[in-house]
Amino acid sequence: GTITSVSSNKIFVDSGRSEGEGHFNNGLLTWTAGDNAQLKMEVKYYSAGSKQFELHHAMPYPVQIGDTYQVYRGCDKALSTCRNAFNNVVNFRGEPHLPGIDQVTQFGGR
C-alpha cells in the first residue's frame, strides 16, 4: 500500500484499500519505503469507511505521503476467525468450549 494522507505517526490513510471493516485489526504492518523502512508495527484498528489505519504505537520517524508498506491481516484469536478467515482450525490452540468462570467455580452439582 501507499500512504495518501497522514494525521500523525500512528494514524494515516491509504485511499487505495478495499478491505472490510477491521480487516487488519491486530495485523502487522512493515514499512517498505520512507524514513521507517524495514520497521514493523502492529495495527490497532483499520476503518474501511475512511480507509484509515491506527497503529498501536507511533512510528519513531515521520510517516509521510507516498511512504509504502506491506500489511498482513490480524487474528482476534477466535475459533470462527481461524476457521472462516484462515481455514486453519487444525492449528487453533485456544479452548473455545470451556465453560465460563462462573461454571468452573461452582461446587458439585449446584
Protein backbone atom coordinates (compact mmCIF):
# COMPACT_ATOMS: atom_id res chain seq x y z
CA GLY A 1 0.00 0.00 0.00
CA THR A 2 0.89 3.68 -0.27
CA ILE A 3 0.09 6.43 2.24
CA THR A 4 -2.24 9.11 0.82
CA SER A 5 -2.90 11.18 3.97
CA VAL A 6 -1.23 11.50 7.38
CA SER A 7 -2.73 12.58 10.71
CA SER A 8 0.19 11.54 12.93
CA ASN A 9 3.00 9.00 13.21
CA LYS A 10 0.42 6.40 14.19
CA ILE A 11 -2.71 7.39 12.19
CA PHE A 12 -2.75 7.58 8.40
CA VAL A 13 -4.89 6.81 5.34
CA ASP A 14 -4.39 4.68 2.24
CA SER A 15 -7.29 5.55 -0.06
CA GLY A 16 -6.47 2.59 -2.33
CA ARG A 17 -7.57 -0.06 0.22
CA SER A 18 -10.79 -2.03 -0.34
CA GLU A 19 -10.86 -4.49 2.56
CA GLY A 20 -13.73 -4.62 5.04
CA GLU A 21 -14.06 -3.01 8.46
CA GLY A 22 -11.47 -4.25 10.93
CA HIS A 23 -9.77 -6.50 8.37
CA PHE A 24 -6.28 -5.55 9.53
CA ASN A 25 -7.03 -5.22 13.27
CA ASN A 26 -4.17 -6.88 15.22
CA GLY A 27 -2.25 -7.33 11.97
CA LEU A 28 1.36 -6.47 11.24
CA LEU A 29 2.45 -3.54 9.08
CA THR A 30 6.00 -3.44 7.66
CA TRP A 31 7.30 -0.24 6.08
CA THR A 32 8.95 -0.84 2.69
CA ALA A 33 9.92 2.76 1.82
CA GLY A 34 10.26 6.04 3.69
CA ASP A 35 12.02 7.02 6.91
CA ASN A 36 10.59 3.97 8.71
CA ALA A 37 11.65 1.44 6.03
CA GLN A 38 12.12 -2.10 7.41
CA LEU A 39 10.44 -1.22 10.72
CA LYS A 40 7.30 -3.07 11.84
CA MET A 41 4.32 -2.15 14.00
CA GLU A 42 1.07 -3.85 14.97
CA VAL A 43 -2.17 -2.40 13.63
CA LYS A 44 -4.61 -1.42 16.37
CA TYR A 45 -7.56 -0.62 14.11
CA TYR A 46 -8.45 -0.39 10.43
CA SER A 47 -11.50 1.62 9.34
CA ALA A 48 -12.95 0.57 5.98
CA GLY A 49 -15.08 3.71 5.62
CA SER A 50 -12.22 6.17 5.98
CA LYS A 51 -9.53 3.67 4.88
CA GLN A 52 -7.62 4.77 7.96
CA PHE A 53 -5.05 2.78 9.91
CA GLU A 54 -4.26 3.33 13.56
CA LEU A 55 -1.11 1.68 14.87
CA HIS A 56 -0.61 0.53 18.47
CA HIS A 57 2.36 2.88 18.88
CA ALA A 58 3.67 5.88 16.94
CA MET A 59 6.47 5.22 14.50
CA PRO A 60 9.85 6.70 15.51
CA TYR A 61 10.26 8.66 12.26
CA PRO A 62 7.71 10.80 10.40
CA VAL A 63 5.12 8.96 8.32
CA GLN A 64 4.77 10.82 5.03
CA ILE A 65 2.50 10.78 1.99
CA GLY A 66 3.99 8.36 -0.53
CA ASP A 67 5.55 6.01 2.05
CA THR A 68 4.88 2.38 1.16
CA TYR A 69 4.16 -0.66 3.33
CA GLN A 70 3.01 -4.26 3.43
CA VAL A 71 0.27 -5.22 5.86
CA TYR A 72 -0.95 -8.64 6.95
CA ARG A 73 -4.35 -9.44 8.33
CA GLY A 74 -4.52 -9.90 12.08
CA CYS A 75 -6.18 -12.54 14.21
CA ASP A 76 -8.60 -11.91 17.09
CA LYS A 77 -7.89 -15.41 18.47
CA ALA A 78 -11.48 -16.59 17.94
CA LEU A 79 -12.24 -20.06 16.61
CA SER A 80 -14.63 -18.61 14.00
CA THR A 81 -11.89 -16.32 12.62
CA CYS A 82 -9.43 -19.20 12.49
CA ARG A 83 -11.98 -21.31 10.60
CA ASN A 84 -13.55 -18.70 8.29
CA ALA A 85 -10.68 -16.31 7.55
CA PHE A 86 -7.64 -18.57 7.64
CA ASN A 87 -9.02 -22.12 7.18
CA ASN A 88 -6.64 -23.18 9.94
CA VAL A 89 -8.69 -24.78 12.72
CA VAL A 90 -6.24 -27.68 12.95
CA ASN A 91 -3.66 -25.26 14.40
CA PHE A 92 -6.07 -23.36 16.66
CA ARG A 93 -4.63 -23.51 20.17
CA GLY A 94 -7.47 -21.98 22.15
CA GLU A 95 -10.09 -23.60 24.38
CA PRO A 96 -13.37 -22.36 22.87
CA HIS A 97 -15.60 -24.96 24.54
CA LEU A 98 -14.63 -24.44 28.20
CA PRO A 99 -17.49 -23.21 30.38
CA GLY A 100 -17.38 -19.66 31.76
CA ILE A 101 -15.65 -18.87 35.06
CA ASP A 102 -18.98 -18.94 36.94
CA GLN A 103 -19.49 -22.61 35.99
CA VAL A 104 -15.88 -23.56 36.64
CA THR A 105 -16.01 -22.27 40.24
CA GLN A 106 -19.30 -23.95 41.22
CA PHE A 107 -19.31 -26.76 43.80
CA GLY A 108 -20.70 -30.18 42.93
CA GLY A 109 -23.99 -30.22 41.06
CA ARG A 110 -25.09 -26.77 42.14
